[in-house]
Amino acid sequence: QQLGAVKPKLTDMVDAALKMLTKD
C-alpha cells in the first residue's frame, strides 16, 4: 500500500524507543 512513509514498522519503533531510553 506504499505506506512506508506513514506507518512505522517494528524496527522503526525499536529504534525510536532506544534513542529515548539511552539518552541518559
mmCIF file of all heavy atoms, coordinates in Angstrom:
data_MODEL
# 
_entry.id   MODEL 
# 
loop_
_atom_site.group_PDB 
_atom_site.id 
_atom_site.type_symbol 
_atom_site.label_atom_id 
_atom_site.label_alt_id 
_atom_site.label_comp_id 
_atom_site.label_asym_id 
_atom_site.label_entity_id 
_atom_site.label_seq_id 
_atom_site.pdbx_PDB_ins_code 
_atom_site.Cartn_x 
_atom_site.Cartn_y 
_atom_site.Cartn_z 
_atom_site.occupancy 
_atom_site.B_iso_or_equiv 
_atom_site.pdbx_formal_charge 
_atom_site.auth_seq_id 
_atom_site.auth_comp_id 
_atom_site.auth_asym_id 
_atom_site.auth_atom_id 
_atom_site.pdbx_PDB_model_num 
ATOM 1   N N   . GLN A 1 1  ? 0.808  -1.214 0.000  1.00 0.00 ? 1  GLN A N   1 
ATOM 2   C CA  . GLN A 1 1  ? 0.000  0.000  0.000  1.00 0.00 ? 1  GLN A CA  1 
ATOM 3   C C   . GLN A 1 1  ? 0.847  1.272  0.000  1.00 0.00 ? 1  GLN A C   1 
ATOM 4   O O   . GLN A 1 1  ? 0.311  2.370  0.096  1.00 0.00 ? 1  GLN A O   1 
ATOM 5   C CB  . GLN A 1 1  ? -0.939 -0.012 1.216  1.00 0.00 ? 1  GLN A CB  1 
ATOM 6   C CG  . GLN A 1 1  ? -1.904 -1.183 1.214  1.00 0.00 ? 1  GLN A CG  1 
ATOM 7   C CD  . GLN A 1 1  ? -2.765 -1.230 2.473  1.00 0.00 ? 1  GLN A CD  1 
ATOM 8   O OE1 . GLN A 1 1  ? -3.117 -0.194 3.041  1.00 0.00 ? 1  GLN A OE1 1 
ATOM 9   N NE2 . GLN A 1 1  ? -3.096 -2.431 2.922  1.00 0.00 ? 1  GLN A NE2 1 
ATOM 10  N N   . GLN A 1 2  ? 2.170  1.068  -0.087 1.00 0.00 ? 2  GLN A N   1 
ATOM 11  C CA  . GLN A 1 2  ? 3.114  2.192  -0.146 1.00 0.00 ? 2  GLN A CA  1 
ATOM 12  C C   . GLN A 1 2  ? 2.892  3.164  1.022  1.00 0.00 ? 2  GLN A C   1 
ATOM 13  O O   . GLN A 1 2  ? 2.810  4.376  0.845  1.00 0.00 ? 2  GLN A O   1 
ATOM 14  C CB  . GLN A 1 2  ? 2.997  2.919  -1.489 1.00 0.00 ? 2  GLN A CB  1 
ATOM 15  C CG  . GLN A 1 2  ? 3.350  2.027  -2.678 1.00 0.00 ? 2  GLN A CG  1 
ATOM 16  C CD  . GLN A 1 2  ? 3.279  2.755  -4.012 1.00 0.00 ? 2  GLN A CD  1 
ATOM 17  O OE1 . GLN A 1 2  ? 2.605  3.766  -4.159 1.00 0.00 ? 2  GLN A OE1 1 
ATOM 18  N NE2 . GLN A 1 2  ? 4.003  2.242  -4.996 1.00 0.00 ? 2  GLN A NE2 1 
ATOM 19  N N   . LEU A 1 3  ? 2.813  2.581  2.212  1.00 0.00 ? 3  LEU A N   1 
ATOM 20  C CA  . LEU A 1 3  ? 2.581  3.363  3.417  1.00 0.00 ? 3  LEU A CA  1 
ATOM 21  C C   . LEU A 1 3  ? 3.830  3.472  4.283  1.00 0.00 ? 3  LEU A C   1 
ATOM 22  O O   . LEU A 1 3  ? 3.756  3.818  5.458  1.00 0.00 ? 3  LEU A O   1 
ATOM 23  C CB  . LEU A 1 3  ? 1.448  2.726  4.241  1.00 0.00 ? 3  LEU A CB  1 
ATOM 24  C CG  . LEU A 1 3  ? 0.060  2.766  3.594  1.00 0.00 ? 3  LEU A CG  1 
ATOM 25  C CD1 . LEU A 1 3  ? -0.933 1.962  4.425  1.00 0.00 ? 3  LEU A CD1 1 
ATOM 26  C CD2 . LEU A 1 3  ? -0.417 4.203  3.435  1.00 0.00 ? 3  LEU A CD2 1 
ATOM 27  N N   . GLY A 1 4  ? 4.970  3.184  3.682  1.00 0.00 ? 4  GLY A N   1 
ATOM 28  C CA  . GLY A 1 4  ? 6.218  3.202  4.438  1.00 0.00 ? 4  GLY A CA  1 
ATOM 29  C C   . GLY A 1 4  ? 6.572  4.551  5.023  1.00 0.00 ? 4  GLY A C   1 
ATOM 30  O O   . GLY A 1 4  ? 7.317  4.634  5.996  1.00 0.00 ? 4  GLY A O   1 
ATOM 31  N N   . ALA A 1 5  ? 6.027  5.629  4.445  1.00 0.00 ? 5  ALA A N   1 
ATOM 32  C CA  . ALA A 1 5  ? 6.304  6.965  4.983  1.00 0.00 ? 5  ALA A CA  1 
ATOM 33  C C   . ALA A 1 5  ? 5.336  7.351  6.087  1.00 0.00 ? 5  ALA A C   1 
ATOM 34  O O   . ALA A 1 5  ? 5.525  8.361  6.768  1.00 0.00 ? 5  ALA A O   1 
ATOM 35  C CB  . ALA A 1 5  ? 6.240  7.998  3.857  1.00 0.00 ? 5  ALA A CB  1 
ATOM 36  N N   . VAL A 1 6  ? 4.278  6.532  6.268  1.00 0.00 ? 6  VAL A N   1 
ATOM 37  C CA  . VAL A 1 6  ? 3.226  6.868  7.234  1.00 0.00 ? 6  VAL A CA  1 
ATOM 38  C C   . VAL A 1 6  ? 3.211  5.903  8.418  1.00 0.00 ? 6  VAL A C   1 
ATOM 39  O O   . VAL A 1 6  ? 3.080  6.314  9.570  1.00 0.00 ? 6  VAL A O   1 
ATOM 40  C CB  . VAL A 1 6  ? 1.839  6.856  6.551  1.00 0.00 ? 6  VAL A CB  1 
ATOM 41  C CG1 . VAL A 1 6  ? 0.740  7.179  7.557  1.00 0.00 ? 6  VAL A CG1 1 
ATOM 42  C CG2 . VAL A 1 6  ? 1.815  7.835  5.384  1.00 0.00 ? 6  VAL A CG2 1 
ATOM 43  N N   . LYS A 1 7  ? 3.351  4.609  8.126  1.00 0.00 ? 7  LYS A N   1 
ATOM 44  C CA  . LYS A 1 7  ? 3.234  3.589  9.155  1.00 0.00 ? 7  LYS A CA  1 
ATOM 45  C C   . LYS A 1 7  ? 4.614  3.062  9.562  1.00 0.00 ? 7  LYS A C   1 
ATOM 46  O O   . LYS A 1 7  ? 5.340  2.496  8.741  1.00 0.00 ? 7  LYS A O   1 
ATOM 47  C CB  . LYS A 1 7  ? 2.390  2.413  8.645  1.00 0.00 ? 7  LYS A CB  1 
ATOM 48  C CG  . LYS A 1 7  ? 0.968  2.790  8.252  1.00 0.00 ? 7  LYS A CG  1 
ATOM 49  C CD  . LYS A 1 7  ? 0.147  3.177  9.477  1.00 0.00 ? 7  LYS A CD  1 
ATOM 50  C CE  . LYS A 1 7  ? -1.304 3.437  9.092  1.00 0.00 ? 7  LYS A CE  1 
ATOM 51  N NZ  . LYS A 1 7  ? -2.122 3.833  10.274 1.00 0.00 ? 7  LYS A NZ  1 
ATOM 52  N N   . PRO A 1 8  ? 4.993  3.213  10.818 1.00 0.00 ? 8  PRO A N   1 
ATOM 53  C CA  . PRO A 1 8  ? 6.287  2.673  11.245 1.00 0.00 ? 8  PRO A CA  1 
ATOM 54  C C   . PRO A 1 8  ? 6.240  1.154  11.358 1.00 0.00 ? 8  PRO A C   1 
ATOM 55  O O   . PRO A 1 8  ? 5.209  0.580  11.747 1.00 0.00 ? 8  PRO A O   1 
ATOM 56  C CB  . PRO A 1 8  ? 6.482  3.308  12.623 1.00 0.00 ? 8  PRO A CB  1 
ATOM 57  C CG  . PRO A 1 8  ? 5.103  3.561  13.130 1.00 0.00 ? 8  PRO A CG  1 
ATOM 58  C CD  . PRO A 1 8  ? 4.287  3.902  11.913 1.00 0.00 ? 8  PRO A CD  1 
ATOM 59  N N   . LYS A 1 9  ? 7.318  0.513  10.993 1.00 0.00 ? 9  LYS A N   1 
ATOM 60  C CA  . LYS A 1 9  ? 7.459  -0.922 11.190 1.00 0.00 ? 9  LYS A CA  1 
ATOM 61  C C   . LYS A 1 9  ? 8.094  -1.166 12.562 1.00 0.00 ? 9  LYS A C   1 
ATOM 62  O O   . LYS A 1 9  ? 8.475  -0.229 13.261 1.00 0.00 ? 9  LYS A O   1 
ATOM 63  C CB  . LYS A 1 9  ? 8.300  -1.532 10.073 1.00 0.00 ? 9  LYS A CB  1 
ATOM 64  C CG  . LYS A 1 9  ? 7.638  -1.438 8.697  1.00 0.00 ? 9  LYS A CG  1 
ATOM 65  C CD  . LYS A 1 9  ? 8.465  -2.137 7.630  1.00 0.00 ? 9  LYS A CD  1 
ATOM 66  C CE  . LYS A 1 9  ? 7.780  -2.077 6.266  1.00 0.00 ? 9  LYS A CE  1 
ATOM 67  N NZ  . LYS A 1 9  ? 8.560  -2.767 5.210  1.00 0.00 ? 9  LYS A NZ  1 
ATOM 68  N N   . LEU A 1 10 ? 8.206  -2.432 12.934 1.00 0.00 ? 10 LEU A N   1 
ATOM 69  C CA  . LEU A 1 10 ? 8.718  -2.762 14.262 1.00 0.00 ? 10 LEU A CA  1 
ATOM 70  C C   . LEU A 1 10 ? 10.118 -2.203 14.478 1.00 0.00 ? 10 LEU A C   1 
ATOM 71  O O   . LEU A 1 10 ? 10.425 -1.650 15.545 1.00 0.00 ? 10 LEU A O   1 
ATOM 72  C CB  . LEU A 1 10 ? 8.708  -4.279 14.471 1.00 0.00 ? 10 LEU A CB  1 
ATOM 73  C CG  . LEU A 1 10 ? 9.039  -4.745 15.884 1.00 0.00 ? 10 LEU A CG  1 
ATOM 74  C CD1 . LEU A 1 10 ? 7.956  -4.318 16.863 1.00 0.00 ? 10 LEU A CD1 1 
ATOM 75  C CD2 . LEU A 1 10 ? 9.224  -6.264 15.922 1.00 0.00 ? 10 LEU A CD2 1 
ATOM 76  N N   . THR A 1 11 ? 10.982 -2.321 13.482 1.00 0.00 ? 11 THR A N   1 
ATOM 77  C CA  . THR A 1 11 ? 12.344 -1.808 13.618 1.00 0.00 ? 11 THR A CA  1 
ATOM 78  C C   . THR A 1 11 ? 12.349 -0.301 13.827 1.00 0.00 ? 11 THR A C   1 
ATOM 79  O O   . THR A 1 11 ? 13.147 0.224  14.616 1.00 0.00 ? 11 THR A O   1 
ATOM 80  C CB  . THR A 1 11 ? 13.176 -2.176 12.378 1.00 0.00 ? 11 THR A CB  1 
ATOM 81  O OG1 . THR A 1 11 ? 13.206 -3.596 12.237 1.00 0.00 ? 11 THR A OG1 1 
ATOM 82  C CG2 . THR A 1 11 ? 14.608 -1.682 12.513 1.00 0.00 ? 11 THR A CG2 1 
ATOM 83  N N   . ASP A 1 12 ? 11.460 0.424  13.157 1.00 0.00 ? 12 ASP A N   1 
ATOM 84  C CA  . ASP A 1 12 ? 11.360 1.877  13.350 1.00 0.00 ? 12 ASP A CA  1 
ATOM 85  C C   . ASP A 1 12 ? 11.012 2.201  14.797 1.00 0.00 ? 12 ASP A C   1 
ATOM 86  O O   . ASP A 1 12 ? 11.575 3.133  15.395 1.00 0.00 ? 12 ASP A O   1 
ATOM 87  C CB  . ASP A 1 12 ? 10.292 2.468  12.426 1.00 0.00 ? 12 ASP A CB  1 
ATOM 88  C CG  . ASP A 1 12 ? 10.592 2.265  10.949 1.00 0.00 ? 12 ASP A CG  1 
ATOM 89  O OD1 . ASP A 1 12 ? 11.761 2.429  10.569 1.00 0.00 ? 12 ASP A OD1 1 
ATOM 90  O OD2 . ASP A 1 12 ? 9.657  1.940  10.195 1.00 0.00 ? 12 ASP A OD2 1 
ATOM 91  N N   . MET A 1 13 ? 10.077 1.445  15.355 1.00 0.00 ? 13 MET A N   1 
ATOM 92  C CA  . MET A 1 13 ? 9.647  1.711  16.726 1.00 0.00 ? 13 MET A CA  1 
ATOM 93  C C   . MET A 1 13 ? 10.741 1.371  17.737 1.00 0.00 ? 13 MET A C   1 
ATOM 94  O O   . MET A 1 13 ? 10.961 2.110  18.706 1.00 0.00 ? 13 MET A O   1 
ATOM 95  C CB  . MET A 1 13 ? 8.364  0.940  17.032 1.00 0.00 ? 13 MET A CB  1 
ATOM 96  C CG  . MET A 1 13 ? 7.144  1.480  16.295 1.00 0.00 ? 13 MET A CG  1 
ATOM 97  S SD  . MET A 1 13 ? 5.585  0.748  16.860 1.00 0.00 ? 13 MET A SD  1 
ATOM 98  C CE  . MET A 1 13 ? 5.563  -0.763 15.908 1.00 0.00 ? 13 MET A CE  1 
ATOM 99  N N   . VAL A 1 14 ? 11.439 0.261  17.520 1.00 0.00 ? 14 VAL A N   1 
ATOM 100 C CA  . VAL A 1 14 ? 12.526 -0.114 18.429 1.00 0.00 ? 14 VAL A CA  1 
ATOM 101 C C   . VAL A 1 14 ? 13.651 0.916  18.372 1.00 0.00 ? 14 VAL A C   1 
ATOM 102 O O   . VAL A 1 14 ? 14.217 1.301  19.396 1.00 0.00 ? 14 VAL A O   1 
ATOM 103 C CB  . VAL A 1 14 ? 13.049 -1.524 18.092 1.00 0.00 ? 14 VAL A CB  1 
ATOM 104 C CG1 . VAL A 1 14 ? 14.334 -1.835 18.859 1.00 0.00 ? 14 VAL A CG1 1 
ATOM 105 C CG2 . VAL A 1 14 ? 11.977 -2.570 18.406 1.00 0.00 ? 14 VAL A CG2 1 
ATOM 106 N N   . ASP A 1 15 ? 13.966 1.376  17.181 1.00 0.00 ? 15 ASP A N   1 
ATOM 107 C CA  . ASP A 1 15 ? 15.000 2.398  17.016 1.00 0.00 ? 15 ASP A CA  1 
ATOM 108 C C   . ASP A 1 15 ? 14.639 3.657  17.796 1.00 0.00 ? 15 ASP A C   1 
ATOM 109 O O   . ASP A 1 15 ? 15.464 4.206  18.549 1.00 0.00 ? 15 ASP A O   1 
ATOM 110 C CB  . ASP A 1 15 ? 15.168 2.713  15.529 1.00 0.00 ? 15 ASP A CB  1 
ATOM 111 C CG  . ASP A 1 15 ? 16.294 3.696  15.252 1.00 0.00 ? 15 ASP A CG  1 
ATOM 112 O OD1 . ASP A 1 15 ? 17.331 3.626  15.933 1.00 0.00 ? 15 ASP A OD1 1 
ATOM 113 O OD2 . ASP A 1 15 ? 16.130 4.543  14.365 1.00 0.00 ? 15 ASP A OD2 1 
ATOM 114 N N   . ALA A 1 16 ? 13.402 4.122  17.643 1.00 0.00 ? 16 ALA A N   1 
ATOM 115 C CA  . ALA A 1 16 ? 12.962 5.329  18.350 1.00 0.00 ? 16 ALA A CA  1 
ATOM 116 C C   . ALA A 1 16 ? 12.953 5.113  19.854 1.00 0.00 ? 16 ALA A C   1 
ATOM 117 O O   . ALA A 1 16 ? 13.356 5.998  20.631 1.00 0.00 ? 16 ALA A O   1 
ATOM 118 C CB  . ALA A 1 16 ? 11.576 5.727  17.862 1.00 0.00 ? 16 ALA A CB  1 
ATOM 119 N N   . ALA A 1 17 ? 12.498 3.946  20.291 1.00 0.00 ? 17 ALA A N   1 
ATOM 120 C CA  . ALA A 1 17 ? 12.438 3.656  21.727 1.00 0.00 ? 17 ALA A CA  1 
ATOM 121 C C   . ALA A 1 17 ? 13.828 3.675  22.353 1.00 0.00 ? 17 ALA A C   1 
ATOM 122 O O   . ALA A 1 17 ? 14.027 4.237  23.438 1.00 0.00 ? 17 ALA A O   1 
ATOM 123 C CB  . ALA A 1 17 ? 11.764 2.308  21.957 1.00 0.00 ? 17 ALA A CB  1 
ATOM 124 N N   . LEU A 1 18 ? 14.789 3.066  21.675 1.00 0.00 ? 18 LEU A N   1 
ATOM 125 C CA  . LEU A 1 18 ? 16.142 3.026  22.226 1.00 0.00 ? 18 LEU A CA  1 
ATOM 126 C C   . LEU A 1 18 ? 16.785 4.406  22.250 1.00 0.00 ? 18 LEU A C   1 
ATOM 127 O O   . LEU A 1 18 ? 17.557 4.729  23.166 1.00 0.00 ? 18 LEU A O   1 
ATOM 128 C CB  . LEU A 1 18 ? 17.001 2.040  21.432 1.00 0.00 ? 18 LEU A CB  1 
ATOM 129 C CG  . LEU A 1 18 ? 16.661 0.563  21.691 1.00 0.00 ? 18 LEU A CG  1 
ATOM 130 C CD1 . LEU A 1 18 ? 17.443 -0.342 20.752 1.00 0.00 ? 18 LEU A CD1 1 
ATOM 131 C CD2 . LEU A 1 18 ? 16.942 0.190  23.143 1.00 0.00 ? 18 LEU A CD2 1 
ATOM 132 N N   . LYS A 1 19 ? 16.489 5.232  21.283 1.00 0.00 ? 19 LYS A N   1 
ATOM 133 C CA  . LYS A 1 19 ? 17.000 6.606  21.317 1.00 0.00 ? 19 LYS A CA  1 
ATOM 134 C C   . LYS A 1 19 ? 16.450 7.357  22.525 1.00 0.00 ? 19 LYS A C   1 
ATOM 135 O O   . LYS A 1 19 ? 17.151 8.153  23.156 1.00 0.00 ? 19 LYS A O   1 
ATOM 136 C CB  . LYS A 1 19 ? 16.637 7.334  20.026 1.00 0.00 ? 19 LYS A CB  1 
ATOM 137 C CG  . LYS A 1 19 ? 17.441 6.870  18.820 1.00 0.00 ? 19 LYS A CG  1 
ATOM 138 C CD  . LYS A 1 19 ? 16.966 7.537  17.533 1.00 0.00 ? 19 LYS A CD  1 
ATOM 139 C CE  . LYS A 1 19 ? 17.781 7.042  16.338 1.00 0.00 ? 19 LYS A CE  1 
ATOM 140 N NZ  . LYS A 1 19 ? 17.277 7.579  15.049 1.00 0.00 ? 19 LYS A NZ  1 
ATOM 141 N N   . MET A 1 20 ? 15.198 7.093  22.852 1.00 0.00 ? 20 MET A N   1 
ATOM 142 C CA  . MET A 1 20 ? 14.593 7.722  24.021 1.00 0.00 ? 20 MET A CA  1 
ATOM 143 C C   . MET A 1 20 ? 15.204 7.194  25.314 1.00 0.00 ? 20 MET A C   1 
ATOM 144 O O   . MET A 1 20 ? 15.530 7.957  26.230 1.00 0.00 ? 20 MET A O   1 
ATOM 145 C CB  . MET A 1 20 ? 13.085 7.467  24.030 1.00 0.00 ? 20 MET A CB  1 
ATOM 146 C CG  . MET A 1 20 ? 12.278 8.358  23.116 1.00 0.00 ? 20 MET A CG  1 
ATOM 147 S SD  . MET A 1 20 ? 12.106 10.041 23.771 1.00 0.00 ? 20 MET A SD  1 
ATOM 148 C CE  . MET A 1 20 ? 11.184 9.727  25.282 1.00 0.00 ? 20 MET A CE  1 
ATOM 149 N N   . LEU A 1 21 ? 15.359 5.890  25.398 1.00 0.00 ? 21 LEU A N   1 
ATOM 150 C CA  . LEU A 1 21 ? 15.751 5.270  26.663 1.00 0.00 ? 21 LEU A CA  1 
ATOM 151 C C   . LEU A 1 21 ? 17.244 5.352  26.954 1.00 0.00 ? 21 LEU A C   1 
ATOM 152 O O   . LEU A 1 21 ? 17.662 5.252  28.110 1.00 0.00 ? 21 LEU A O   1 
ATOM 153 C CB  . LEU A 1 21 ? 15.307 3.803  26.677 1.00 0.00 ? 21 LEU A CB  1 
ATOM 154 C CG  . LEU A 1 21 ? 13.795 3.563  26.621 1.00 0.00 ? 21 LEU A CG  1 
ATOM 155 C CD1 . LEU A 1 21 ? 13.492 2.084  26.480 1.00 0.00 ? 21 LEU A CD1 1 
ATOM 156 C CD2 . LEU A 1 21 ? 13.115 4.126  27.860 1.00 0.00 ? 21 LEU A CD2 1 
ATOM 157 N N   . THR A 1 22 ? 18.052 5.526  25.922 1.00 0.00 ? 22 THR A N   1 
ATOM 158 C CA  . THR A 1 22 ? 19.506 5.524  26.116 1.00 0.00 ? 22 THR A CA  1 
ATOM 159 C C   . THR A 1 22 ? 20.109 6.909  26.209 1.00 0.00 ? 22 THR A C   1 
ATOM 160 O O   . THR A 1 22 ? 21.322 7.052  26.355 1.00 0.00 ? 22 THR A O   1 
ATOM 161 C CB  . THR A 1 22 ? 20.203 4.768  24.967 1.00 0.00 ? 22 THR A CB  1 
ATOM 162 O OG1 . THR A 1 22 ? 19.888 5.404  23.719 1.00 0.00 ? 22 THR A OG1 1 
ATOM 163 C CG2 . THR A 1 22 ? 19.757 3.323  24.915 1.00 0.00 ? 22 THR A CG2 1 
ATOM 164 N N   . LYS A 1 23 ? 19.303 7.949  26.156 1.00 0.00 ? 23 LYS A N   1 
ATOM 165 C CA  . LYS A 1 23 ? 19.879 9.307  26.147 1.00 0.00 ? 23 LYS A CA  1 
ATOM 166 C C   . LYS A 1 23 ? 20.549 9.653  27.478 1.00 0.00 ? 23 LYS A C   1 
ATOM 167 O O   . LYS A 1 23 ? 21.508 10.424 27.513 1.00 0.00 ? 23 LYS A O   1 
ATOM 168 C CB  . LYS A 1 23 ? 18.801 10.338 25.817 1.00 0.00 ? 23 LYS A CB  1 
ATOM 169 C CG  . LYS A 1 23 ? 17.656 10.414 26.816 1.00 0.00 ? 23 LYS A CG  1 
ATOM 170 C CD  . LYS A 1 23 ? 16.625 11.432 26.358 1.00 0.00 ? 23 LYS A CD  1 
ATOM 171 C CE  . LYS A 1 23 ? 15.471 11.514 27.335 1.00 0.00 ? 23 LYS A CE  1 
ATOM 172 N NZ  . LYS A 1 23 ? 14.475 12.516 26.896 1.00 0.00 ? 23 LYS A NZ  1 
ATOM 173 N N   . ASP A 1 24 ? 20.047 9.094  28.581 1.00 0.00 ? 24 ASP A N   1 
ATOM 174 C CA  . ASP A 1 24 ? 20.690 9.295  29.879 1.00 0.00 ? 24 ASP A CA  1 
ATOM 175 C C   . ASP A 1 24 ? 21.662 8.144  30.088 1.00 0.00 ? 24 ASP A C   1 
ATOM 176 O O   . ASP A 1 24 ? 21.276 7.051  30.480 1.00 0.00 ? 24 ASP A O   1 
ATOM 177 C CB  . ASP A 1 24 ? 19.641 9.327  30.985 1.00 0.00 ? 24 ASP A CB  1 
ATOM 178 C CG  . ASP A 1 24 ? 20.238 9.675  32.352 1.00 0.00 ? 24 ASP A CG  1 
ATOM 179 O OD1 . ASP A 1 24 ? 21.472 9.595  32.491 1.00 0.00 ? 24 ASP A OD1 1 
ATOM 180 O OD2 . ASP A 1 24 ? 19.464 10.020 33.265 1.00 0.00 ? 24 ASP A OD2 1 
# 
